[in-house]
Amino acid sequence: MGELTSEQPMTDTTCDVADATPKQLLSRFYSLQEERVQGYQMFEEGFQAYLKGSPNYNFPLYRRLVHEITQSFNKISQDVLCIKSKFAEQNNLIPISEIMEKIQNAEKKKLEMTAKLQLLRQKSLDEPSETIQSEIEDIKQSLNETRDYLVEQMEELKYESEDIYTAESDLEVTESTTSADR
């Protein structure tokens, strides 16, 4: 893995979507979701490296990783909220906005559960018990349910946004036909 931290935040663009088309907004949303996936991978890799230090954990380094991941996820969340707002207010695509809100809420829940799971995993190494193992299994089950819900919502977004891609494709064909007629 190398280091536990990254030098640059994963999201380095601002939420400047004033002139973005709905198709561009969706593309940006999907990019942000990919950044979340990368963030979770980095979070897990860093946690694994942290656990390998048992019993002499390098907590300051892990705390720095958690801080960086939190900042990155906060930036992603801000951008998603901006995109969600643009769909609701300016494009009058409220169903898409509502799905994005559901995804955002589920992502927040997933991050909270992931952090709690990591704490329990460390605790199970330090103080093994059936109670802790049971809590770990419960959280894993909840995480799986949340992931399934996210997949469902992403599918729902895909279906709800099909018209955007069709409408923009139709517009592009009309524009190119109009240009060719001149």
Protein backbone atom coordinates (compact mmCIF):
# COMPACT_ATOMS: atom_id res chain seq x y z
CA MET A 1 0.00 0.00 0.00
CA GLY A 2 2.85 2.43 0.63
CA GLU A 3 1.57 5.19 2.85
CA LEU A 4 -1.60 5.48 4.86
CA THR A 5 -2.41 8.91 3.52
CA SER A 6 -2.65 10.63 0.18
CA GLU A 7 -1.06 13.98 -0.44
CA GLN A 8 -3.91 15.35 -2.52
CA PRO A 9 -7.60 15.21 -1.76
CA MET A 10 -9.47 12.79 -3.99
CA THR A 11 -11.93 15.48 -5.04
CA ASP A 12 -10.16 18.52 -6.37
CA THR A 13 -12.88 20.13 -8.46
CA THR A 14 -15.33 22.63 -7.13
CA CYS A 15 -19.04 22.27 -7.46
CA ASP A 16 -19.36 24.71 -10.29
CA VAL A 17 -22.27 23.26 -12.18
CA ALA A 18 -24.13 26.43 -13.10
CA ASP A 19 -23.94 25.76 -16.84
CA ALA A 20 -23.87 21.96 -16.71
CA THR A 21 -26.43 19.98 -18.62
CA PRO A 22 -28.36 17.25 -16.82
CA LYS A 23 -26.21 14.68 -18.62
CA GLN A 24 -23.03 16.40 -17.38
CA LEU A 25 -24.45 16.52 -13.86
CA LEU A 26 -25.14 12.79 -13.93
CA SER A 27 -21.66 12.12 -15.22
CA ARG A 28 -20.19 14.17 -12.38
CA PHE A 29 -22.38 12.34 -9.87
CA TYR A 30 -21.13 8.97 -11.10
CA SER A 31 -17.54 10.22 -10.89
CA LEU A 32 -18.13 11.26 -7.29
CA GLN A 33 -19.50 7.81 -6.49
CA GLU A 34 -16.32 6.30 -7.96
CA GLU A 35 -14.28 8.59 -5.71
CA ARG A 36 -16.22 7.24 -2.74
CA VAL A 37 -15.33 3.69 -3.76
CA GLN A 38 -11.66 4.69 -3.94
CA GLY A 39 -11.96 6.38 -0.56
CA TYR A 40 -13.35 3.25 1.04
CA GLN A 41 -10.51 1.21 -0.48
CA MET A 42 -7.94 3.61 0.90
CA PHE A 43 -9.71 3.62 4.28
CA GLU A 44 -9.64 -0.18 4.47
CA GLU A 45 -6.00 -0.41 3.34
CA GLY A 46 -5.00 2.15 5.95
CA PHE A 47 -6.94 0.33 8.62
CA GLN A 48 -5.29 -2.98 7.69
CA ALA A 49 -1.87 -1.35 7.99
CA TYR A 50 -2.91 0.11 11.34
CA LEU A 51 -3.99 -3.30 12.64
CA LYS A 52 -0.70 -4.87 11.59
CA GLY A 53 0.97 -2.66 14.21
CA SER A 54 -0.88 -4.48 17.02
CA PRO A 55 -0.34 -4.13 19.94
CA ASN A 56 1.72 -0.97 19.28
CA TYR A 57 -0.74 0.83 17.04
CA ASN A 58 0.33 3.99 15.22
CA PHE A 59 -2.80 5.87 16.20
CA PRO A 60 -1.62 9.36 15.13
CA LEU A 61 -1.06 8.12 11.57
CA TYR A 62 -4.41 6.33 11.51
CA ARG A 63 -6.15 9.41 12.94
CA ARG A 64 -4.61 11.48 10.13
CA LEU A 65 -5.94 8.99 7.58
CA VAL A 66 -9.42 9.15 9.11
CA HIS A 67 -9.24 12.95 9.00
CA GLU A 68 -8.23 12.96 5.32
CA ILE A 69 -10.90 10.43 4.39
CA THR A 70 -13.50 12.44 6.29
CA GLN A 71 -12.48 15.64 4.50
CA SER A 72 -12.62 13.91 1.15
CA PHE A 73 -16.04 12.41 1.85
CA ASN A 74 -17.32 15.77 3.09
CA LYS A 75 -16.21 17.39 -0.17
CA ILE A 76 -17.86 14.65 -2.18
CA SER A 77 -21.05 15.10 -0.14
CA GLN A 78 -21.04 18.86 -0.75
CA ASP A 79 -20.67 18.28 -4.48
CA VAL A 80 -23.46 15.68 -4.52
CA LEU A 81 -25.76 18.05 -2.63
CA CYS A 82 -24.99 20.77 -5.15
CA ILE A 83 -25.81 18.44 -8.04
CA LYS A 84 -28.97 17.24 -6.26
CA SER A 85 -30.04 20.84 -5.77
CA LYS A 86 -29.40 21.65 -9.43
CA PHE A 87 -31.64 18.76 -10.50
CA ALA A 88 -34.41 19.81 -8.13
CA GLU A 89 -34.36 23.56 -8.60
CA GLN A 90 -33.12 24.37 -12.07
CA ASN A 91 -33.81 21.28 -14.13
CA ASN A 92 -37.09 20.42 -12.43
CA LEU A 93 -36.02 16.79 -12.24
CA ILE A 94 -37.21 16.19 -8.70
CA PRO A 95 -37.33 12.36 -8.89
CA ILE A 96 -33.63 12.25 -9.74
CA SER A 97 -32.92 14.70 -6.95
CA GLU A 98 -34.83 12.54 -4.49
CA ILE A 99 -32.90 9.41 -5.51
CA MET A 100 -29.62 11.27 -5.07
CA GLU A 101 -30.73 12.30 -1.60
CA LYS A 102 -31.47 8.67 -0.73
CA ILE A 103 -28.04 7.67 -2.01
CA GLN A 104 -26.40 10.46 -0.04
CA ASN A 105 -28.15 9.40 3.18
CA ALA A 106 -27.24 5.76 2.65
CA GLU A 107 -23.60 6.71 1.98
CA LYS A 108 -23.52 8.63 5.25
CA LYS A 109 -24.91 5.62 7.09
CA LYS A 110 -22.41 3.33 5.34
CA LEU A 111 -19.47 5.51 6.40
CA GLU A 112 -20.64 5.61 10.01
CA MET A 113 -21.06 1.83 10.08
CA THR A 114 -17.67 1.30 8.43
CA ALA A 115 -15.96 3.39 11.11
CA LYS A 116 -17.83 1.55 13.87
CA LEU A 117 -16.88 -1.79 12.33
CA GLN A 118 -13.24 -0.80 12.26
CA LEU A 119 -13.33 0.11 15.94
CA LEU A 120 -14.95 -3.20 16.78
CA ARG A 121 -12.44 -5.11 14.68
CA GLN A 122 -9.60 -3.50 16.62
CA LYS A 123 -11.36 -4.21 19.89
CA SER A 124 -11.81 -7.87 18.91
CA LEU A 125 -8.04 -8.15 18.43
CA ASP A 126 -7.32 -6.48 21.76
CA GLU A 127 -10.12 -8.06 23.82
CA PRO A 128 -11.62 -11.05 21.97
CA SER A 129 -15.14 -11.96 23.06
CA GLU A 130 -18.30 -13.48 21.65
CA THR A 131 -20.17 -10.25 22.33
CA ILE A 132 -17.80 -8.24 20.15
CA GLN A 133 -17.91 -10.90 17.42
CA SER A 134 -21.70 -10.76 17.52
CA GLU A 135 -21.63 -6.96 17.19
CA ILE A 136 -19.21 -7.26 14.26
CA GLU A 137 -21.53 -9.70 12.50
CA ASP A 138 -24.52 -7.43 13.11
CA ILE A 139 -22.72 -4.44 11.62
CA LYS A 140 -21.50 -6.50 8.66
CA GLN A 141 -25.09 -7.54 8.01
CA SER A 142 -26.26 -3.92 8.21
CA LEU A 143 -23.45 -2.85 5.89
CA ASN A 144 -24.46 -5.50 3.37
CA GLU A 145 -28.06 -4.31 3.54
CA THR A 146 -26.93 -0.72 3.04
CA ARG A 147 -24.77 -1.71 0.07
CA ASP A 148 -27.72 -3.57 -1.44
CA TYR A 149 -29.90 -0.50 -0.93
CA LEU A 150 -27.26 1.66 -2.61
CA VAL A 151 -27.14 -0.68 -5.60
CA GLU A 152 -30.94 -0.53 -5.83
CA GLN A 153 -30.91 3.27 -5.70
CA MET A 154 -28.16 3.49 -8.32
CA GLU A 155 -30.27 1.24 -10.57
CA GLU A 156 -33.29 3.43 -9.90
CA LEU A 157 -31.22 6.49 -10.83
CA LYS A 158 -30.12 4.79 -14.03
CA TYR A 159 -33.73 4.10 -15.04
CA GLU A 160 -35.01 7.49 -13.95
CA SER A 161 -32.28 9.27 -15.93
CA GLU A 162 -32.67 7.33 -19.19
CA ASP A 163 -34.82 10.13 -20.60
CA ILE A 164 -31.99 12.61 -20.05
CA TYR A 165 -29.67 10.64 -22.28
CA THR A 166 -32.41 10.12 -24.87
CA ALA A 167 -33.41 13.79 -24.81
CA GLU A 168 -29.83 15.00 -25.21
CA SER A 169 -29.18 12.51 -28.00
CA ASP A 170 -32.32 13.69 -29.79
CA LEU A 171 -31.24 17.31 -29.32
CA GLU A 172 -27.77 16.57 -30.72
CA VAL A 173 -29.29 14.86 -33.78
CA THR A 174 -31.68 17.77 -34.32
CA GLU A 175 -28.86 20.30 -34.00
CA SER A 176 -26.60 18.44 -36.40
CA THR A 177 -29.46 18.02 -38.90
CA THR A 178 -30.27 21.73 -38.65
CA SER A 179 -26.60 22.60 -39.21
CA ALA A 180 -26.43 20.28 -42.21
CA ASP A 181 -29.53 21.90 -43.73
CA ARG A 182 -27.92 25.34 -43.75
